[in-house]
């Protein structure tokens, strides 16, 4: 379940370049996501999407911590479901 070799190394960073494109890069500086969606100054959706992608490894680690440390079954079940989706297991 903890096979991190299947994904790019964390932390992931958001880079908005010159403001016309959004990229997410791993800790080695390799691009792992590129949002082709043009930025609309009235909309923060592309930036919000890129931030969510960039924080994915941190969210996965937080869920795993919750799964290991929570005494409440419903919280553990929710965390386990999200981890399964993230890891494709």
C-alpha atoms as a PDB file:
ATOM      1  CA  UNK A   1       0.000   0.000   0.000  1.00  0.00           C
ATOM      2  CA  UNK A   2       2.914   2.383   0.568  1.00  0.00           C
ATOM      3  CA  UNK A   3       4.626   1.949  -2.797  1.00  0.00           C
ATOM      4  CA  UNK A   4       5.643   5.551  -3.457  1.00  0.00           C
ATOM      5  CA  UNK A   5       7.895   4.478  -6.330  1.00  0.00           C
ATOM      6  CA  UNK A   6       4.820   4.589  -8.578  1.00  0.00           C
ATOM      7  CA  UNK A   7       4.452   8.356  -8.305  1.00  0.00           C
ATOM      8  CA  UNK A   8       6.656  11.387  -8.579  1.00  0.00           C
ATOM      9  CA  UNK A   9       8.562  12.341  -5.428  1.00  0.00           C
ATOM     10  CA  UNK A  10       7.014  14.901  -3.104  1.00  0.00           C
ATOM     11  CA  UNK A  11       6.772  17.704  -2.350  1.00  0.00           C
ATOM     12  CA  UNK A  12       5.025  18.938  -5.459  1.00  0.00           C
ATOM     13  CA  UNK A  13       5.191  22.624  -6.328  1.00  0.00           C
ATOM     14  CA  UNK A  14       2.864  24.887  -8.291  1.00  0.00           C
ATOM     15  CA  UNK A  15       4.527  27.201 -10.818  1.00  0.00           C
ATOM     16  CA  UNK A  16       2.455  29.712 -12.716  1.00  0.00           C
ATOM     17  CA  UNK A  17       5.352  30.669 -14.983  1.00  0.00           C
ATOM     18  CA  UNK A  18       4.588  33.907 -16.748  1.00  0.00           C
ATOM     19  CA  UNK A  19       0.961  33.901 -15.641  1.00  0.00           C
ATOM     20  CA  UNK A  20      -0.426  32.348 -18.816  1.00  0.00           C
ATOM     21  CA  UNK A  21       0.171  28.690 -17.916  1.00  0.00           C
ATOM     22  CA  UNK A  22       0.147  26.521 -14.817  1.00  0.00           C
ATOM     23  CA  UNK A  23       2.461  23.621 -14.105  1.00  0.00           C
ATOM     24  CA  UNK A  24       2.963  21.264 -11.184  1.00  0.00           C
ATOM     25  CA  UNK A  25       6.491  19.978 -10.616  1.00  0.00           C
ATOM     26  CA  UNK A  26       7.885  17.216  -8.408  1.00  0.00           C
ATOM     27  CA  UNK A  27      10.799  17.604  -6.007  1.00  0.00           C
ATOM     28  CA  UNK A  28      13.233  16.896  -8.865  1.00  0.00           C
ATOM     29  CA  UNK A  29      11.810  19.743 -10.938  1.00  0.00           C
ATOM     30  CA  UNK A  30      10.104  17.375 -13.378  1.00  0.00           C
ATOM     31  CA  UNK A  31       6.741  18.551 -14.667  1.00  0.00           C
ATOM     32  CA  UNK A  32       3.984  16.171 -13.597  1.00  0.00           C
ATOM     33  CA  UNK A  33       0.946  18.201 -14.600  1.00  0.00           C
ATOM     34  CA  UNK A  34       0.259  21.036 -16.978  1.00  0.00           C
ATOM     35  CA  UNK A  35      -3.053  22.854 -17.033  1.00  0.00           C
ATOM     36  CA  UNK A  36      -3.858  23.941 -20.554  1.00  0.00           C
ATOM     37  CA  UNK A  37      -6.981  25.707 -19.434  1.00  0.00           C
ATOM     38  CA  UNK A  38      -6.488  29.408 -20.179  1.00  0.00           C
ATOM     39  CA  UNK A  39      -6.670  31.665 -17.155  1.00  0.00           C
ATOM     40  CA  UNK A  40      -9.601  33.955 -16.946  1.00  0.00           C
ATOM     41  CA  UNK A  41      -8.886  36.850 -14.630  1.00  0.00           C
ATOM     42  CA  UNK A  42     -12.437  36.599 -13.262  1.00  0.00           C
ATOM     43  CA  UNK A  43     -12.002  32.904 -12.446  1.00  0.00           C
ATOM     44  CA  UNK A  44      -9.680  31.290  -9.925  1.00  0.00           C
ATOM     45  CA  UNK A  45     -10.668  27.762 -11.014  1.00  0.00           C
ATOM     46  CA  UNK A  46      -7.465  26.855 -12.928  1.00  0.00           C
ATOM     47  CA  UNK A  47      -5.243  28.014 -10.057  1.00  0.00           C
ATOM     48  CA  UNK A  48      -7.412  26.236  -7.487  1.00  0.00           C
ATOM     49  CA  UNK A  49      -7.217  23.027  -9.524  1.00  0.00           C
ATOM     50  CA  UNK A  50      -3.436  23.280  -9.818  1.00  0.00           C
ATOM     51  CA  UNK A  51      -3.075  23.908  -6.073  1.00  0.00           C
ATOM     52  CA  UNK A  52      -5.149  20.811  -5.329  1.00  0.00           C
ATOM     53  CA  UNK A  53      -2.965  18.714  -7.641  1.00  0.00           C
ATOM     54  CA  UNK A  54       0.199  20.082  -6.032  1.00  0.00           C
ATOM     55  CA  UNK A  55      -0.960  19.267  -2.492  1.00  0.00           C
ATOM     56  CA  UNK A  56      -2.111  15.709  -3.328  1.00  0.00           C
ATOM     57  CA  UNK A  57       0.897  13.976  -1.682  1.00  0.00           C
ATOM     58  CA  UNK A  58       0.346  15.958   1.515  1.00  0.00           C
ATOM     59  CA  UNK A  59      -3.352  15.100   1.551  1.00  0.00           C
ATOM     60  CA  UNK A  60      -2.565  11.417   1.060  1.00  0.00           C
ATOM     61  CA  UNK A  61      -0.116  11.493   3.984  1.00  0.00           C
ATOM     62  CA  UNK A  62      -2.692  13.243   6.161  1.00  0.00           C
ATOM     63  CA  UNK A  63      -5.323  10.631   5.332  1.00  0.00           C
ATOM     64  CA  UNK A  64      -2.926   7.840   6.198  1.00  0.00           C
ATOM     65  CA  UNK A  65      -2.238   9.500   9.539  1.00  0.00           C
ATOM     66  CA  UNK A  66      -5.967   9.796  10.210  1.00  0.00           C
ATOM     67  CA  UNK A  67      -6.453   6.147   9.303  1.00  0.00           C
ATOM     68  CA  UNK A  68      -3.740   5.082  11.742  1.00  0.00           C
ATOM     69  CA  UNK A  69      -4.709   7.409  14.597  1.00  0.00           C
ATOM     70  CA  UNK A  70      -8.466   7.908  14.533  1.00  0.00           C
ATOM     71  CA  UNK A  71     -10.640   5.939  16.880  1.00  0.00           C
ATOM     72  CA  UNK A  72     -13.836   6.745  14.993  1.00  0.00           C
ATOM     73  CA  UNK A  73     -14.815   4.096  12.450  1.00  0.00           C
ATOM     74  CA  UNK A  74     -16.628   6.428  10.036  1.00  0.00           C
ATOM     75  CA  UNK A  75     -13.573   8.704   9.810  1.00  0.00           C
ATOM     76  CA  UNK A  76     -11.281   5.716   9.190  1.00  0.00           C
ATOM     77  CA  UNK A  77     -13.648   4.390   6.514  1.00  0.00           C
ATOM     78  CA  UNK A  78     -13.719   7.753   4.738  1.00  0.00           C
ATOM     79  CA  UNK A  79      -9.925   8.017   4.865  1.00  0.00           C
ATOM     80  CA  UNK A  80      -9.506   4.415   3.654  1.00  0.00           C
ATOM     81  CA  UNK A  81     -11.834   5.040   0.681  1.00  0.00           C
ATOM     82  CA  UNK A  82      -9.896   8.160  -0.381  1.00  0.00           C
ATOM     83  CA  UNK A  83      -6.539   6.374   0.006  1.00  0.00           C
ATOM     84  CA  UNK A  84      -7.783   3.492  -2.129  1.00  0.00           C
ATOM     85  CA  UNK A  85      -8.832   5.926  -4.865  1.00  0.00           C
ATOM     86  CA  UNK A  86      -5.508   7.792  -4.697  1.00  0.00           C
ATOM     87  CA  UNK A  87      -3.387   4.639  -4.810  1.00  0.00           C
ATOM     88  CA  UNK A  88      -5.562   2.733  -7.268  1.00  0.00           C
ATOM     89  CA  UNK A  89      -5.742  -0.294  -4.995  1.00  0.00           C
END
